[in-house]
N, C-alpha and C. Protein backbone atom coordinates (compact mmCIF):
# COMPACT_ATOMS: atom_id res chain seq x y z
N MET A 1 3.52 28.15 -71.99
CA MET A 1 3.64 27.85 -72.98
C MET A 1 4.05 27.82 -74.09
N LYS A 2 5.49 26.77 -74.06
CA LYS A 2 6.27 27.16 -75.51
C LYS A 2 6.18 26.53 -76.61
N VAL A 3 6.10 27.27 -77.92
CA VAL A 3 5.90 26.62 -79.06
C VAL A 3 7.09 26.74 -79.88
N LYS A 4 7.03 26.48 -80.18
CA LYS A 4 8.66 26.27 -81.40
C LYS A 4 9.06 25.30 -82.78
N LEU A 5 8.53 25.85 -83.83
CA LEU A 5 8.29 25.37 -85.05
C LEU A 5 10.25 25.78 -86.02
N ASP A 6 10.21 24.55 -86.85
CA ASP A 6 11.21 23.89 -87.02
C ASP A 6 11.60 23.87 -88.75
N ILE A 7 11.36 24.90 -89.78
CA ILE A 7 11.38 25.18 -91.17
C ILE A 7 12.31 25.17 -91.79
N GLU A 8 12.25 23.72 -92.54
CA GLU A 8 12.90 24.10 -93.70
C GLU A 8 13.20 24.31 -94.53
N CYS A 9 13.99 25.19 -94.90
CA CYS A 9 13.24 25.60 -96.86
C CYS A 9 15.05 26.11 -97.01
N THR A 10 14.58 26.66 -98.30
CA THR A 10 16.07 27.47 -99.72
C THR A 10 15.74 28.82 -98.54
N PRO A 11 16.99 29.64 -98.86
CA PRO A 11 16.87 31.10 -98.94
C PRO A 11 15.95 31.68 -99.83
N ALA A 12 15.53 30.75 -100.88
CA ALA A 12 14.93 31.53 -101.96
C ALA A 12 13.52 31.29 -101.75
N GLU A 13 13.11 29.45 -101.00
CA GLU A 13 12.02 29.66 -100.28
C GLU A 13 11.53 30.85 -99.48
N ALA A 14 12.26 30.64 -98.66
CA ALA A 14 12.31 31.73 -97.64
C ALA A 14 12.01 33.40 -98.16
N ARG A 15 12.36 33.86 -99.10
CA ARG A 15 12.57 34.82 -99.73
C ARG A 15 10.93 34.88 -99.76
N ALA A 16 10.20 34.14 -100.31
CA ALA A 16 9.18 34.24 -101.20
C ALA A 16 8.37 34.10 -100.19
N PHE A 17 8.03 33.22 -98.73
CA PHE A 17 7.43 33.51 -98.34
C PHE A 17 7.27 34.74 -97.64
N PHE A 18 8.20 35.35 -97.31
CA PHE A 18 8.04 36.73 -96.43
C PHE A 18 7.93 38.07 -97.87
N GLY A 19 7.76 37.35 -98.76
CA GLY A 19 6.93 38.25 -100.02
C GLY A 19 7.89 39.37 -100.10
N LEU A 20 10.23 38.73 -100.21
CA LEU A 20 11.15 39.69 -100.91
C LEU A 20 11.14 39.95 -101.73
N PRO A 21 11.91 40.68 -102.45
CA PRO A 21 12.25 40.42 -103.87
C PRO A 21 13.51 39.74 -103.84
N ASP A 22 13.19 39.13 -105.42
CA ASP A 22 14.76 38.28 -105.73
C ASP A 22 15.94 39.38 -106.24
N VAL A 23 17.54 39.68 -105.35
CA VAL A 23 17.57 40.56 -105.96
C VAL A 23 19.14 40.06 -106.00
N LYS A 24 19.27 38.62 -106.84
CA LYS A 24 20.12 38.24 -107.53
C LYS A 24 20.58 38.53 -108.59
N PRO A 25 19.69 38.94 -109.51
CA PRO A 25 19.75 39.29 -111.45
C PRO A 25 20.32 41.12 -111.24
N LEU A 26 19.88 41.62 -109.34
CA LEU A 26 20.34 42.86 -109.39
C LEU A 26 22.12 43.17 -109.66
N GLN A 27 22.52 41.94 -108.77
CA GLN A 27 23.90 41.84 -107.40
C GLN A 27 24.83 41.29 -108.67
N GLU A 28 24.10 40.80 -109.45
CA GLU A 28 25.09 40.01 -110.43
C GLU A 28 25.44 40.96 -111.63
N THR A 29 24.11 42.34 -111.78
CA THR A 29 24.35 43.78 -112.81
C THR A 29 25.71 44.16 -111.74
N MET A 30 25.17 44.63 -110.85
CA MET A 30 25.94 45.67 -109.93
C MET A 30 27.62 45.07 -110.04
N MET A 31 27.52 43.68 -109.65
CA MET A 31 29.31 42.73 -109.82
C MET A 31 29.57 42.80 -110.93
N LYS A 32 28.72 42.97 -112.24
CA LYS A 32 30.08 43.35 -113.81
C LYS A 32 30.12 44.59 -113.35
N GLU A 33 29.37 45.88 -113.16
CA GLU A 33 29.56 46.66 -113.05
C GLU A 33 30.60 47.06 -112.55
N ILE A 34 30.60 47.18 -110.76
CA ILE A 34 32.21 46.56 -110.53
C ILE A 34 33.35 46.23 -110.98
N GLU A 35 33.12 45.24 -111.44
CA GLU A 35 34.55 44.51 -111.64
C GLU A 35 34.68 45.17 -113.33
N ASN A 36 33.96 45.73 -114.00
CA ASN A 36 34.45 46.80 -115.42
C ASN A 36 35.17 48.16 -114.64
N ARG A 37 34.61 48.41 -113.59
CA ARG A 37 35.66 49.98 -112.59
C ARG A 37 36.52 49.37 -112.16
N MET A 38 37.17 48.52 -111.27
CA MET A 38 38.35 47.66 -111.53
C MET A 38 39.04 48.00 -112.36
N MET A 39 38.72 47.08 -113.51
CA MET A 39 39.45 46.80 -114.64
C MET A 39 39.71 48.14 -115.33
N GLN A 40 39.01 49.30 -114.72
CA GLN A 40 39.79 50.51 -116.38
C GLN A 40 40.29 50.82 -115.22
N GLY A 41 40.52 50.81 -113.36
CA GLY A 41 41.04 51.69 -112.84
C GLY A 41 42.67 51.11 -112.98
N LEU A 42 42.41 49.72 -113.54
CA LEU A 42 43.89 49.37 -113.30
C LEU A 42 45.06 49.95 -114.56
N SER A 43 44.00 50.36 -115.02
CA SER A 43 45.06 51.39 -116.66
C SER A 43 45.56 51.89 -116.21
N ALA A 44 44.94 52.79 -115.07
CA ALA A 44 45.36 54.32 -113.93
C ALA A 44 46.48 53.79 -112.93
N MET A 45 46.91 52.55 -112.86
CA MET A 45 48.17 51.79 -112.18
C MET A 45 49.56 51.42 -112.54
N ASP A 46 49.43 52.69 -113.82
CA ASP A 46 50.10 52.17 -115.03
C ASP A 46 51.54 52.91 -114.35
N PRO A 47 52.82 53.13 -113.77
CA PRO A 47 53.20 53.66 -113.12
C PRO A 47 53.87 55.42 -114.24
N GLU A 48 54.00 55.22 -116.05
CA GLU A 48 54.68 56.67 -116.46
C GLU A 48 52.81 57.00 -115.93
N GLN A 49 51.41 56.79 -115.89
CA GLN A 49 50.49 57.98 -115.78
C GLN A 49 50.75 58.25 -113.90
N MET A 50 50.82 57.04 -113.40
CA MET A 50 50.62 57.89 -112.16
C MET A 50 52.03 58.87 -111.49
N MET A 51 52.63 58.56 -112.34
CA MET A 51 53.70 60.25 -111.62
C MET A 51 53.03 61.47 -112.70
N LYS A 52 52.41 61.05 -113.92
CA LYS A 52 52.02 62.35 -114.60
C LYS A 52 51.05 63.06 -113.88
N THR A 53 50.23 61.65 -113.19
CA THR A 53 48.69 62.76 -112.37
C THR A 53 49.29 63.07 -110.76
N TRP A 54 50.46 62.64 -110.01
CA TRP A 54 50.88 62.88 -108.79
C TRP A 54 51.86 64.01 -108.38
N MET A 55 52.69 64.28 -109.49
CA MET A 55 53.63 64.87 -109.78
C MET A 55 53.31 66.24 -109.25
N PRO A 56 52.46 66.89 -110.01
CA PRO A 56 52.12 68.50 -110.21
C PRO A 56 51.57 69.43 -109.02
N ALA A 57 50.96 67.88 -107.92
CA ALA A 57 50.73 67.65 -107.07
C ALA A 57 51.77 67.93 -105.39
N THR A 58 52.41 67.12 -105.96
CA THR A 58 53.41 66.71 -104.90
C THR A 58 54.73 68.04 -105.34
N MET A 59 54.54 68.45 -106.36
CA MET A 59 56.07 69.18 -106.47
C MET A 59 55.00 70.58 -105.73
N GLN A 60 53.79 71.17 -106.01
CA GLN A 60 53.06 72.27 -105.37
C GLN A 60 52.70 72.48 -104.00
N GLY A 61 53.29 71.15 -104.03
CA GLY A 61 53.14 70.62 -102.20
C GLY A 61 54.21 71.64 -101.83
N PHE A 62 55.21 70.76 -102.65
CA PHE A 62 56.69 70.70 -101.49
C PHE A 62 56.72 72.10 -101.50
N GLU A 63 56.43 73.05 -102.82
CA GLU A 63 57.23 74.18 -102.46
C GLU A 63 56.09 75.19 -101.81
N GLN A 64 54.81 74.70 -101.35
CA GLN A 64 54.18 75.24 -100.37
C GLN A 64 55.03 75.41 -98.78
N LEU A 65 55.47 73.96 -98.97
CA LEU A 65 56.25 73.51 -97.35
C LEU A 65 56.92 74.75 -97.62
N GLN A 66 57.87 74.62 -98.91
CA GLN A 66 59.18 75.23 -98.96
C GLN A 66 59.19 77.21 -97.98
N ARG A 67 58.08 77.36 -98.84
CA ARG A 67 57.89 78.89 -98.26
C ARG A 67 57.08 79.14 -96.78
N PHE A 68 56.19 77.97 -96.57
CA PHE A 68 56.20 77.92 -94.96
C PHE A 68 57.55 78.07 -94.31
N TRP A 69 58.65 77.28 -94.73
CA TRP A 69 59.60 77.32 -93.69
C TRP A 69 60.65 78.34 -93.44
N GLY A 70 60.81 79.05 -95.45
CA GLY A 70 61.16 80.16 -94.94
C GLY A 70 60.63 81.50 -94.66
N GLN A 71 59.62 80.44 -94.60
CA GLN A 71 58.41 82.11 -93.51
C GLN A 71 58.91 82.11 -91.87
N LEU A 72 58.61 80.84 -91.99
CA LEU A 72 59.17 80.82 -90.26
C LEU A 72 60.46 81.83 -90.23
N ALA A 73 61.20 80.43 -90.93
CA ALA A 73 62.74 80.91 -90.52
C ALA A 73 62.33 82.82 -90.31
N ALA A 74 62.58 83.43 -91.37
CA ALA A 74 62.53 85.21 -91.34
C ALA A 74 61.98 86.05 -90.46
N GLY A 75 61.18 85.30 -89.61
CA GLY A 75 60.00 85.34 -88.99
C GLY A 75 61.29 85.75 -87.56
N ALA A 76 61.39 84.15 -87.33
CA ALA A 76 61.97 83.42 -85.95
C ALA A 76 63.27 84.80 -86.36
N MET A 77 63.95 85.39 -87.26
CA MET A 77 65.48 85.63 -87.51
C MET A 77 64.97 87.33 -87.56
N ASP A 78 63.63 88.23 -87.33
CA ASP A 78 63.64 89.25 -87.20
C ASP A 78 63.08 89.64 -85.66
N PRO A 79 63.41 90.41 -84.83
CA PRO A 79 63.43 90.50 -83.84
C PRO A 79 62.61 90.76 -83.03
N THR A 80 61.81 92.01 -84.40
CA THR A 80 60.72 92.29 -83.94
C THR A 80 59.65 92.66 -84.35
N LYS A 81 59.08 91.14 -84.60
CA LYS A 81 58.15 90.30 -85.01
C LYS A 81 58.19 89.71 -83.95
N LYS A 82 56.96 89.96 -83.46
CA LYS A 82 56.34 89.07 -82.45
C LYS A 82 55.28 88.12 -82.58
């Protein structure tokens, strides 16, 4: 035996029927918060601010890389180290 039911209802009616909460107010609140955070993040996209943020870490990494290659070269030049 096969039974087929076609139910026409809106998503809100289906949620109410199954006892699920309406998350639209929560979603709207969260979207506003996300929008605010994104707008605040755009202020950090200022080129001058980005350079101030990135340069110290970049220069430190570059100096570490130079030291690494220097130590590697010094080790290769010294035949007593293996």
